[in-house]
Amino acid sequence: MTLKTIFAALSRAARQKLLAAGCLGLYLAATPSLAVGPVASPAAAALWQRLERAAWVMQGAKRPAHLIYVITDADCPYCHELWLSLQIFYGSGLQVRYVMVGIVSSDSPGKAAAILEAPNPSLALDQNEKNWARLPDDLGGGIPALREPKSTTLAVLSSNEKLMSDLGVEGTPALIYRGADHAIHVVQSASDPAKLRSIVALAAPP
């Protein structure tokens, strides 16, 4: 019996718990504390340039006072929670650039591709999050996975995952921002509201 067969045989609640546990395992494996930490120069400048050139989905303020990159997976429950928590900051000048990866489930790459290949990727990301846990697959993300993503899209996801690794991040979600001193900070999740407010306040504009 394959892992996929075992997963399919589980109840909806059990599948969601297993998926959440998998994300938590990735999160805990990445770092015992929340911060991966500032990225040392001169690597910082090169990594920031790669973030700027990466394929991301923009949400929030069009003329941002604060910019945060978020590495996210369409089937990650902690990414979903973070997406919900960031909404209230958009009116205060926050722009979030979601860097899509596909690592949590077998459907993650297809769902990421559905978002990236959509006519309006931001609306597609909204669909994924607003319809959370409403699809028959019970995997979390509320957008149907593309069964045959374009080769260019798969290359983009591979590039994003390499960038994620080079930033020292092993699980999702992760927040990356640059402070007023242009130092890059990488934070593994940020579930605490006060910590999230602090990160937004410290994040410099583009």
C-alpha atoms as a PDB file:
ATOM      1  CA  MET A   1       0.000   0.000   0.000  1.00  0.00           C
ATOM      2  CA  THR A   2       1.439   3.359  -1.011  1.00  0.00           C
ATOM      3  CA  LEU A   3       1.512   6.491   1.136  1.00  0.00           C
ATOM      4  CA  LYS A   4      -0.968   8.073  -1.266  1.00  0.00           C
ATOM      5  CA  THR A   5      -3.391   5.144  -0.779  1.00  0.00           C
ATOM      6  CA  ILE A   6      -3.033   5.316   2.998  1.00  0.00           C
ATOM      7  CA  PHE A   7      -3.619   9.079   2.946  1.00  0.00           C
ATOM      8  CA  ALA A   8      -6.763   8.664   0.804  1.00  0.00           C
ATOM      9  CA  ALA A   9      -8.166   6.096   3.238  1.00  0.00           C
ATOM     10  CA  LEU A  10      -7.959   8.443   6.212  1.00  0.00           C
ATOM     11  CA  SER A  11     -10.900  10.498   7.401  1.00  0.00           C
ATOM     12  CA  ARG A  12     -11.071  14.189   6.461  1.00  0.00           C
ATOM     13  CA  ALA A  13     -10.098  15.274   9.992  1.00  0.00           C
ATOM     14  CA  ALA A  14      -7.212  12.809  10.101  1.00  0.00           C
ATOM     15  CA  ARG A  15      -5.926  13.978   6.708  1.00  0.00           C
ATOM     16  CA  GLN A  16      -6.007  17.611   7.761  1.00  0.00           C
ATOM     17  CA  LYS A  17      -4.225  16.794  11.027  1.00  0.00           C
ATOM     18  CA  LEU A  18      -1.574  14.826   9.146  1.00  0.00           C
ATOM     19  CA  LEU A  19      -1.054  17.655   6.678  1.00  0.00           C
ATOM     20  CA  ALA A  20      -0.773  20.203   9.483  1.00  0.00           C
ATOM     21  CA  ALA A  21       1.676  17.958  11.312  1.00  0.00           C
ATOM     22  CA  GLY A  22       3.785  17.701   8.167  1.00  0.00           C
ATOM     23  CA  CYS A  23       3.922  21.481   7.831  1.00  0.00           C
ATOM     24  CA  LEU A  24       4.768  21.788  11.507  1.00  0.00           C
ATOM     25  CA  GLY A  25       7.550  19.266  11.067  1.00  0.00           C
ATOM     26  CA  LEU A  26       9.009  21.333   8.251  1.00  0.00           C
ATOM     27  CA  TYR A  27       8.666  24.426  10.410  1.00  0.00           C
ATOM     28  CA  LEU A  28      10.345  22.914  13.439  1.00  0.00           C
ATOM     29  CA  ALA A  29      13.100  21.382  11.326  1.00  0.00           C
ATOM     30  CA  ALA A  30      13.926  24.766   9.878  1.00  0.00           C
ATOM     31  CA  THR A  31      14.672  26.494  13.170  1.00  0.00           C
ATOM     32  CA  PRO A  32      13.935  26.095  16.890  1.00  0.00           C
ATOM     33  CA  SER A  33      13.293  29.828  17.153  1.00  0.00           C
ATOM     34  CA  LEU A  34      11.230  31.964  14.799  1.00  0.00           C
ATOM     35  CA  ALA A  35      14.028  33.908  13.208  1.00  0.00           C
ATOM     36  CA  VAL A  36      16.419  32.357  10.769  1.00  0.00           C
ATOM     37  CA  GLY A  37      18.149  35.703  11.166  1.00  0.00           C
ATOM     38  CA  PRO A  38      19.667  38.478   9.101  1.00  0.00           C
ATOM     39  CA  VAL A  39      21.463  37.384   5.949  1.00  0.00           C
ATOM     40  CA  ALA A  40      25.091  38.449   5.853  1.00  0.00           C
ATOM     41  CA  SER A  41      26.455  40.725   3.120  1.00  0.00           C
ATOM     42  CA  PRO A  42      27.507  40.425   0.322  1.00  0.00           C
ATOM     43  CA  ALA A  43      25.155  37.447  -0.092  1.00  0.00           C
ATOM     44  CA  ALA A  44      22.256  39.590   1.097  1.00  0.00           C
ATOM     45  CA  ALA A  45      22.253  41.901  -1.910  1.00  0.00           C
ATOM     46  CA  ALA A  46      22.341  39.010  -4.377  1.00  0.00           C
ATOM     47  CA  LEU A  47      19.545  37.151  -2.592  1.00  0.00           C
ATOM     48  CA  TRP A  48      17.394  40.259  -2.495  1.00  0.00           C
ATOM     49  CA  GLN A  49      17.888  40.736  -6.225  1.00  0.00           C
ATOM     50  CA  ARG A  50      16.823  37.140  -6.799  1.00  0.00           C
ATOM     51  CA  LEU A  51      13.696  37.776  -4.743  1.00  0.00           C
ATOM     52  CA  GLU A  52      12.912  40.836  -6.833  1.00  0.00           C
ATOM     53  CA  ARG A  53      13.286  38.814 -10.043  1.00  0.00           C
ATOM     54  CA  ALA A  54      11.430  35.734  -8.767  1.00  0.00           C
ATOM     55  CA  ALA A  55       7.920  34.822  -9.893  1.00  0.00           C
ATOM     56  CA  TRP A  56       5.674  36.103  -7.110  1.00  0.00           C
ATOM     57  CA  VAL A  57       2.054  37.090  -6.612  1.00  0.00           C
ATOM     58  CA  MET A  58       1.526  40.626  -5.349  1.00  0.00           C
ATOM     59  CA  GLN A  59      -1.186  41.614  -2.892  1.00  0.00           C
ATOM     60  CA  GLY A  60      -1.744  44.709  -0.797  1.00  0.00           C
ATOM     61  CA  ALA A  61      -0.719  48.305  -1.386  1.00  0.00           C
ATOM     62  CA  LYS A  62       0.249  49.304  -4.922  1.00  0.00           C
ATOM     63  CA  ARG A  63       2.535  52.055  -3.558  1.00  0.00           C
ATOM     64  CA  PRO A  64       3.917  50.304  -0.497  1.00  0.00           C
ATOM     65  CA  ALA A  65       5.361  51.853   2.610  1.00  0.00           C
ATOM     66  CA  HIS A  66       6.380  48.356   3.713  1.00  0.00           C
ATOM     67  CA  LEU A  67       7.356  45.312   1.635  1.00  0.00           C
ATOM     68  CA  ILE A  68       7.460  41.685   2.733  1.00  0.00           C
ATOM     69  CA  TYR A  69       8.138  38.576   0.656  1.00  0.00           C
ATOM     70  CA  VAL A  70       6.363  35.421   1.854  1.00  0.00           C
ATOM     71  CA  ILE A  71       7.395  31.936   0.759  1.00  0.00           C
ATOM     72  CA  THR A  72       4.135  30.031   0.667  1.00  0.00           C
ATOM     73  CA  ASP A  73       2.591  26.720  -0.358  1.00  0.00           C
ATOM     74  CA  ALA A  74      -1.026  26.513  -1.519  1.00  0.00           C
ATOM     75  CA  ASP A  75      -1.728  23.508   0.752  1.00  0.00           C
ATOM     76  CA  CYS A  76       0.084  24.759   3.883  1.00  0.00           C
ATOM     77  CA  PRO A  77      -2.343  25.526   6.762  1.00  0.00           C
ATOM     78  CA  TYR A  78       0.162  27.828   8.467  1.00  0.00           C
ATOM     79  CA  CYS A  79       0.531  29.782   5.215  1.00  0.00           C
ATOM     80  CA  HIS A  80      -3.247  30.131   5.156  1.00  0.00           C
ATOM     81  CA  GLU A  81      -3.269  31.478   8.706  1.00  0.00           C
ATOM     82  CA  LEU A  82      -0.546  33.962   7.816  1.00  0.00           C
ATOM     83  CA  TRP A  83      -2.443  35.074   4.686  1.00  0.00           C
ATOM     84  CA  LEU A  84      -5.465  35.815   6.862  1.00  0.00           C
ATOM     85  CA  SER A  85      -3.380  37.678   9.449  1.00  0.00           C
ATOM     86  CA  LEU A  86      -1.701  39.924   6.862  1.00  0.00           C
ATOM     87  CA  GLN A  87      -4.965  41.227   5.390  1.00  0.00           C
ATOM     88  CA  ILE A  88      -5.437  43.927   8.026  1.00  0.00           C
ATOM     89  CA  PHE A  89      -2.085  45.537   7.171  1.00  0.00           C
ATOM     90  CA  TYR A  90      -2.816  46.168   3.483  1.00  0.00           C
ATOM     91  CA  GLY A  91      -4.650  49.394   4.279  1.00  0.00           C
ATOM     92  CA  SER A  92      -1.590  50.625   6.193  1.00  0.00           C
ATOM     93  CA  GLY A  93       0.696  50.480   3.164  1.00  0.00           C
ATOM     94  CA  LEU A  94       1.889  46.867   3.252  1.00  0.00           C
ATOM     95  CA  GLN A  95       2.641  45.055   0.016  1.00  0.00           C
ATOM     96  CA  VAL A  96       3.188  41.285   0.184  1.00  0.00           C
ATOM     97  CA  ARG A  97       4.846  39.364  -2.624  1.00  0.00           C
ATOM     98  CA  TYR A  98       3.973  35.684  -2.325  1.00  0.00           C
ATOM     99  CA  VAL A  99       6.716  33.417  -3.656  1.00  0.00           C
ATOM    100  CA  MET A 100       4.939  30.181  -4.541  1.00  0.00           C
ATOM    101  CA  VAL A 101       6.516  26.772  -3.909  1.00  0.00           C
ATOM    102  CA  GLY A 102       5.069  23.272  -4.156  1.00  0.00           C
ATOM    103  CA  ILE A 103       6.469  21.113  -1.370  1.00  0.00           C
ATOM    104  CA  VAL A 104       3.727  20.234   1.137  1.00  0.00           C
ATOM    105  CA  SER A 105       1.591  17.757  -0.825  1.00  0.00           C
ATOM    106  CA  SER A 106       1.463  15.993  -4.166  1.00  0.00           C
ATOM    107  CA  ASP A 107      -1.107  18.583  -5.322  1.00  0.00           C
ATOM    108  CA  SER A 108       0.926  21.585  -4.169  1.00  0.00           C
ATOM    109  CA  PRO A 109       2.817  22.101  -7.471  1.00  0.00           C
ATOM    110  CA  GLY A 110      -0.425  21.871  -9.458  1.00  0.00           C
ATOM    111  CA  LYS A 111      -2.183  24.367  -7.210  1.00  0.00           C
ATOM    112  CA  ALA A 112       0.792  26.735  -7.329  1.00  0.00           C
ATOM    113  CA  ALA A 113       0.731  26.423 -11.122  1.00  0.00           C
ATOM    114  CA  ALA A 114      -3.008  27.158 -11.199  1.00  0.00           C
ATOM    115  CA  ILE A 115      -2.299  30.392  -9.334  1.00  0.00           C
ATOM    116  CA  LEU A 116       0.735  31.416 -11.372  1.00  0.00           C
ATOM    117  CA  GLU A 117      -0.860  30.607 -14.744  1.00  0.00           C
ATOM    118  CA  ALA A 118      -4.176  32.322 -13.962  1.00  0.00           C
ATOM    119  CA  PRO A 119      -5.094  35.500 -15.905  1.00  0.00           C
ATOM    120  CA  ASN A 120      -5.048  37.296 -12.532  1.00  0.00           C
ATOM    121  CA  PRO A 121      -2.738  35.429 -10.122  1.00  0.00           C
ATOM    122  CA  SER A 122      -3.729  37.639  -7.174  1.00  0.00           C
ATOM    123  CA  LEU A 123      -7.400  36.721  -7.577  1.00  0.00           C
ATOM    124  CA  ALA A 124      -6.405  33.072  -7.986  1.00  0.00           C
ATOM    125  CA  LEU A 125      -4.484  33.230  -4.696  1.00  0.00           C
ATOM    126  CA  ASP A 126      -7.582  34.763  -3.089  1.00  0.00           C
ATOM    127  CA  GLN A 127      -9.626  31.832  -4.413  1.00  0.00           C
ATOM    128  CA  ASN A 128      -7.166  29.363  -2.918  1.00  0.00           C
ATOM    129  CA  GLU A 129      -7.372  30.994   0.503  1.00  0.00           C
ATOM    130  CA  LYS A 130     -11.059  31.973   0.618  1.00  0.00           C
ATOM    131  CA  ASN A 131     -12.118  28.467  -0.402  1.00  0.00           C
ATOM    132  CA  TRP A 132      -9.738  26.855   2.049  1.00  0.00           C
ATOM    133  CA  ALA A 133     -10.574  23.185   2.838  1.00  0.00           C
ATOM    134  CA  ARG A 134     -13.645  23.211   0.560  1.00  0.00           C
ATOM    135  CA  LEU A 135     -12.341  20.945  -2.200  1.00  0.00           C
ATOM    136  CA  PRO A 136     -12.934  17.170  -2.209  1.00  0.00           C
ATOM    137  CA  ASP A 137      -9.173  16.513  -1.899  1.00  0.00           C
ATOM    138  CA  ASP A 138      -9.249  17.825   1.715  1.00  0.00           C
ATOM    139  CA  LEU A 139      -5.684  19.042   1.319  1.00  0.00           C
ATOM    140  CA  GLY A 140      -6.431  22.643   2.240  1.00  0.00           C
ATOM    141  CA  GLY A 141      -5.919  24.929  -0.740  1.00  0.00           C
ATOM    142  CA  GLY A 142      -9.187  25.879  -2.410  1.00  0.00           C
ATOM    143  CA  ILE A 143      -8.087  26.080  -6.040  1.00  0.00           C
ATOM    144  CA  PRO A 144      -8.140  22.981  -8.255  1.00  0.00           C
ATOM    145  CA  ALA A 145      -4.664  21.803  -9.191  1.00  0.00           C
ATOM    146  CA  LEU A 146      -3.521  21.999 -12.797  1.00  0.00           C
ATOM    147  CA  ARG A 147      -2.851  18.471 -14.017  1.00  0.00           C
ATOM    148  CA  GLU A 148      -0.446  19.553 -16.756  1.00  0.00           C
ATOM    149  CA  PRO A 149       1.389  22.728 -15.724  1.00  0.00           C
ATOM    150  CA  LYS A 150       3.544  24.418 -18.329  1.00  0.00           C
ATOM    151  CA  SER A 151       7.214  23.430 -18.286  1.00  0.00           C
ATOM    152  CA  THR A 152       8.088  27.084 -17.727  1.00  0.00           C
ATOM    153  CA  THR A 153       5.874  27.147 -14.627  1.00  0.00           C
ATOM    154  CA  LEU A 154       7.537  24.028 -13.218  1.00  0.00           C
ATOM    155  CA  ALA A 155      10.914  25.675 -13.833  1.00  0.00           C
ATOM    156  CA  VAL A 156       9.713  28.738 -11.933  1.00  0.00           C
ATOM    157  CA  LEU A 157       8.659  26.600  -8.967  1.00  0.00           C
ATOM    158  CA  SER A 158      12.022  24.816  -8.993  1.00  0.00           C
ATOM    159  CA  SER A 159      13.797  28.178  -9.036  1.00  0.00           C
ATOM    160  CA  ASN A 160      11.666  29.440  -6.150  1.00  0.00           C
ATOM    161  CA  GLU A 161      12.452  26.330  -4.122  1.00  0.00           C
ATOM    162  CA  LYS A 162      16.179  26.782  -4.775  1.00  0.00           C
ATOM    163  CA  LEU A 163      15.905  30.393  -3.615  1.00  0.00           C
ATOM    164  CA  MET A 164      14.064  29.212  -0.525  1.00  0.00           C
ATOM    165  CA  SER A 165      16.909  26.819   0.265  1.00  0.00           C
ATOM    166  CA  ASP A 166      19.572  29.469  -0.344  1.00  0.00           C
ATOM    167  CA  LEU A 167      17.789  31.756   2.117  1.00  0.00           C
ATOM    168  CA  GLY A 168      18.164  29.057   4.766  1.00  0.00           C
ATOM    169  CA  VAL A 169      14.446  28.230   4.856  1.00  0.00           C
ATOM    170  CA  GLU A 170      13.341  24.587   5.032  1.00  0.00           C
ATOM    171  CA  GLY A 171       9.593  24.950   5.627  1.00  0.00           C
ATOM    172  CA  THR A 172       6.649  27.190   4.912  1.00  0.00           C
ATOM    173  CA  PRO A 173       5.691  29.895   5.537  1.00  0.00           C
ATOM    174  CA  ALA A 174       8.690  32.208   5.752  1.00  0.00           C
ATOM    175  CA  LEU A 175       8.743  36.010   5.708  1.00  0.00           C
ATOM    176  CA  ILE A 176      11.643  37.959   4.215  1.00  0.00           C
ATOM    177  CA  TYR A 177      11.984  41.699   4.578  1.00  0.00           C
ATOM    178  CA  ARG A 178      14.654  44.380   4.467  1.00  0.00           C
ATOM    179  CA  GLY A 179      15.061  46.857   7.299  1.00  0.00           C
ATOM    180  CA  ALA A 180      15.948  50.523   7.112  1.00  0.00           C
ATOM    181  CA  ASP A 181      19.645  49.534   7.146  1.00  0.00           C
ATOM    182  CA  HIS A 182      19.001  47.269   4.096  1.00  0.00           C
ATOM    183  CA  ALA A 183      19.857  44.140   6.084  1.00  0.00           C
ATOM    184  CA  ILE A 184      17.691  41.183   5.028  1.00  0.00           C
ATOM    185  CA  HIS A 185      15.747  39.398   7.765  1.00  0.00           C
ATOM    186  CA  VAL A 186      14.268  35.925   7.361  1.00  0.00           C
ATOM    187  CA  VAL A 187      11.531  34.863   9.781  1.00  0.00           C
ATOM    188  CA  GLN A 188      10.107  31.344   9.903  1.00  0.00           C
ATOM    189  CA  SER A 189       6.392  31.962  10.397  1.00  0.00           C
ATOM    190  CA  ALA A 190       4.997  34.700  12.657  1.00  0.00           C
ATOM    191  CA  SER A 191       1.842  33.498  14.355  1.00  0.00           C
ATOM    192  CA  ASP A 192       2.036  35.985  17.233  1.00  0.00           C
ATOM    193  CA  PRO A 193       0.061  39.155  16.289  1.00  0.00           C
ATOM    194  CA  ALA A 194       2.436  41.476  18.169  1.00  0.00           C
ATOM    195  CA  LYS A 195       5.446  39.958  16.399  1.00  0.00           C
ATOM    196  CA  LEU A 196       3.727  40.291  13.042  1.00  0.00           C
ATOM    197  CA  ARG A 197       2.935  43.961  13.701  1.00  0.00           C
ATOM    198  CA  SER A 198       6.586  44.512  14.602  1.00  0.00           C
ATOM    199  CA  ILE A 199       7.781  42.848  11.382  1.00  0.00           C
ATOM    200  CA  VAL A 200       5.454  44.976   9.254  1.00  0.00           C
ATOM    201  CA  ALA A 201       6.595  48.145  11.017  1.00  0.00           C
ATOM    202  CA  LEU A 202      10.264  47.284  10.466  1.00  0.00           C
ATOM    203  CA  ALA A 203       9.866  46.295   6.817  1.00  0.00           C
ATOM    204  CA  ALA A 204      11.197  49.004   4.507  1.00  0.00           C
ATOM    205  CA  PRO A 205       9.613  49.979   1.175  1.00  0.00           C
ATOM    206  CA  PRO A 206      11.002  48.500  -2.076  1.00  0.00           C
END
